[in-house]
Amino acid sequence: MKDREEFIKKWKIQRRKGKPRYVLTHAGLIGGYGLAGSIIGSIFLYNSTSAYSFGHYLPTYIIVFLGVLLIAALKYMYEWGKNEEKFSKLLDE
């Protein structure tokens, strides 16, 4: 019962902000985490920091960021629809 009320309360706030903002905010966070993970991972894969070249791998980082951003955006668009269904179902009860 409490979970239901909590979901309704949180989803009303999310709905007011709108679908594009919801999707872009969440997908942007996930894309940023993916980018940070790939940069940190590549730093630790090199023998020394002098061998590390950020500029050389910048196109790869951009591709990783955009790829993760696209996949996350699709996921959150799907999640929006599921949450809308759940919200309307809970309000009808």
C-alpha atoms as a PDB file:
ATOM      1  CA  MET A   1       0.000   0.000   0.000  1.00  0.00           C
ATOM      2  CA  LYS A   2       2.776   2.425   0.913  1.00  0.00           C
ATOM      3  CA  ASP A   3       4.769   1.516  -2.220  1.00  0.00           C
ATOM      4  CA  ARG A   4       1.735   2.281  -4.341  1.00  0.00           C
ATOM      5  CA  GLU A   5       1.250   5.712  -2.813  1.00  0.00           C
ATOM      6  CA  GLU A   6       4.970   6.432  -3.050  1.00  0.00           C
ATOM      7  CA  PHE A   7       5.030   5.488  -6.746  1.00  0.00           C
ATOM      8  CA  ILE A   8       2.003   7.681  -7.496  1.00  0.00           C
ATOM      9  CA  LYS A   9       3.554  10.618  -5.649  1.00  0.00           C
ATOM     10  CA  LYS A  10       6.944  10.311  -7.410  1.00  0.00           C
ATOM     11  CA  TRP A  11       5.461   9.675 -10.835  1.00  0.00           C
ATOM     12  CA  LYS A  12       3.209  12.751 -10.621  1.00  0.00           C
ATOM     13  CA  ILE A  13       6.347  14.835 -10.155  1.00  0.00           C
ATOM     14  CA  GLN A  14       8.109  13.116 -13.075  1.00  0.00           C
ATOM     15  CA  ARG A  15       5.076  13.568 -15.349  1.00  0.00           C
ATOM     16  CA  ARG A  16       4.994  17.312 -14.714  1.00  0.00           C
ATOM     17  CA  LYS A  17       8.525  17.665 -16.034  1.00  0.00           C
ATOM     18  CA  GLY A  18       7.622  15.849 -19.245  1.00  0.00           C
ATOM     19  CA  LYS A  19       8.803  12.844 -21.190  1.00  0.00           C
ATOM     20  CA  PRO A  20      11.695  14.507 -23.094  1.00  0.00           C
ATOM     21  CA  ARG A  21      13.250  15.869 -19.925  1.00  0.00           C
ATOM     22  CA  TYR A  22      12.812  12.518 -18.134  1.00  0.00           C
ATOM     23  CA  VAL A  23      14.427  10.579 -20.967  1.00  0.00           C
ATOM     24  CA  LEU A  24      17.286  13.005 -21.623  1.00  0.00           C
ATOM     25  CA  THR A  25      18.138  13.475 -17.953  1.00  0.00           C
ATOM     26  CA  HIS A  26      18.306   9.782 -17.169  1.00  0.00           C
ATOM     27  CA  ALA A  27      19.986   8.827 -20.452  1.00  0.00           C
ATOM     28  CA  GLY A  28      22.528  11.638 -20.013  1.00  0.00           C
ATOM     29  CA  LEU A  29      23.471  10.347 -16.579  1.00  0.00           C
ATOM     30  CA  ILE A  30      23.919   6.813 -17.875  1.00  0.00           C
ATOM     31  CA  GLY A  31      25.929   8.109 -20.869  1.00  0.00           C
ATOM     32  CA  GLY A  32      28.152  10.094 -18.519  1.00  0.00           C
ATOM     33  CA  TYR A  33      28.755   7.038 -16.370  1.00  0.00           C
ATOM     34  CA  GLY A  34      29.678   5.029 -19.465  1.00  0.00           C
ATOM     35  CA  LEU A  35      32.060   7.734 -20.633  1.00  0.00           C
ATOM     36  CA  ALA A  36      33.692   8.044 -17.214  1.00  0.00           C
ATOM     37  CA  GLY A  37      34.054   4.265 -16.987  1.00  0.00           C
ATOM     38  CA  SER A  38      35.720   4.001 -20.373  1.00  0.00           C
ATOM     39  CA  ILE A  39      38.141   6.850 -19.597  1.00  0.00           C
ATOM     40  CA  ILE A  40      39.061   5.476 -16.174  1.00  0.00           C
ATOM     41  CA  GLY A  41      39.355   1.956 -17.572  1.00  0.00           C
ATOM     42  CA  SER A  42      41.665   3.073 -20.365  1.00  0.00           C
ATOM     43  CA  ILE A  43      43.872   4.968 -17.912  1.00  0.00           C
ATOM     44  CA  PHE A  44      44.385   1.802 -15.864  1.00  0.00           C
ATOM     45  CA  LEU A  45      45.123  -0.302 -18.952  1.00  0.00           C
ATOM     46  CA  TYR A  46      48.249   1.685 -19.815  1.00  0.00           C
ATOM     47  CA  ASN A  47      51.663   0.953 -18.279  1.00  0.00           C
ATOM     48  CA  SER A  48      52.401   4.577 -17.493  1.00  0.00           C
ATOM     49  CA  THR A  49      50.560   7.850 -17.667  1.00  0.00           C
ATOM     50  CA  SER A  50      52.988   9.168 -20.293  1.00  0.00           C
ATOM     51  CA  ALA A  51      51.748   6.470 -22.697  1.00  0.00           C
ATOM     52  CA  TYR A  52      48.165   7.676 -22.217  1.00  0.00           C
ATOM     53  CA  SER A  53      46.895  10.038 -24.902  1.00  0.00           C
ATOM     54  CA  PHE A  54      43.430  11.481 -24.343  1.00  0.00           C
ATOM     55  CA  GLY A  55      43.373  13.241 -27.701  1.00  0.00           C
ATOM     56  CA  HIS A  56      44.175  10.062 -29.599  1.00  0.00           C
ATOM     57  CA  TYR A  57      41.244   8.180 -28.089  1.00  0.00           C
ATOM     58  CA  LEU A  58      38.763  11.081 -28.032  1.00  0.00           C
ATOM     59  CA  PRO A  59      36.777   9.779 -31.050  1.00  0.00           C
ATOM     60  CA  THR A  60      36.416   6.429 -29.308  1.00  0.00           C
ATOM     61  CA  TYR A  61      35.150   8.117 -26.154  1.00  0.00           C
ATOM     62  CA  ILE A  62      32.621  10.129 -28.140  1.00  0.00           C
ATOM     63  CA  ILE A  63      31.354   6.966 -29.851  1.00  0.00           C
ATOM     64  CA  VAL A  64      31.045   5.202 -26.492  1.00  0.00           C
ATOM     65  CA  PHE A  65      29.156   8.154 -25.008  1.00  0.00           C
ATOM     66  CA  LEU A  66      26.759   8.466 -27.941  1.00  0.00           C
ATOM     67  CA  GLY A  67      26.186   4.711 -28.092  1.00  0.00           C
ATOM     68  CA  VAL A  68      25.385   4.433 -24.407  1.00  0.00           C
ATOM     69  CA  LEU A  69      23.245   7.576 -24.614  1.00  0.00           C
ATOM     70  CA  LEU A  70      21.195   6.140 -27.487  1.00  0.00           C
ATOM     71  CA  ILE A  71      20.639   2.787 -25.801  1.00  0.00           C
ATOM     72  CA  ALA A  72      19.741   4.445 -22.500  1.00  0.00           C
ATOM     73  CA  ALA A  73      17.319   6.826 -24.247  1.00  0.00           C
ATOM     74  CA  LEU A  74      15.513   3.867 -25.817  1.00  0.00           C
ATOM     75  CA  LYS A  75      15.362   2.134 -22.447  1.00  0.00           C
ATOM     76  CA  TYR A  76      13.926   5.179 -20.696  1.00  0.00           C
ATOM     77  CA  MET A  77      11.359   5.798 -23.425  1.00  0.00           C
ATOM     78  CA  TYR A  78      10.150   2.236 -22.898  1.00  0.00           C
ATOM     79  CA  GLU A  79      10.229   2.730 -19.130  1.00  0.00           C
ATOM     80  CA  TRP A  80       8.136   5.909 -19.453  1.00  0.00           C
ATOM     81  CA  GLY A  81       5.399   3.948 -21.226  1.00  0.00           C
ATOM     82  CA  LYS A  82       5.450   1.202 -18.609  1.00  0.00           C
ATOM     83  CA  ASN A  83       5.271   3.716 -15.770  1.00  0.00           C
ATOM     84  CA  GLU A  84       2.376   5.518 -17.475  1.00  0.00           C
ATOM     85  CA  GLU A  85       0.469   2.222 -17.733  1.00  0.00           C
ATOM     86  CA  LYS A  86       1.190   1.420 -14.104  1.00  0.00           C
ATOM     87  CA  PHE A  87       0.192   4.924 -13.006  1.00  0.00           C
ATOM     88  CA  SER A  88      -3.146   4.865 -14.830  1.00  0.00           C
ATOM     89  CA  LYS A  89      -3.848   1.349 -13.555  1.00  0.00           C
ATOM     90  CA  LEU A  90      -3.193   2.399  -9.957  1.00  0.00           C
ATOM     91  CA  LEU A  91      -5.384   5.486 -10.303  1.00  0.00           C
ATOM     92  CA  ASP A  92      -8.262   3.410 -11.695  1.00  0.00           C
ATOM     93  CA  GLU A  93      -8.234   1.099  -8.673  1.00  0.00           C
END
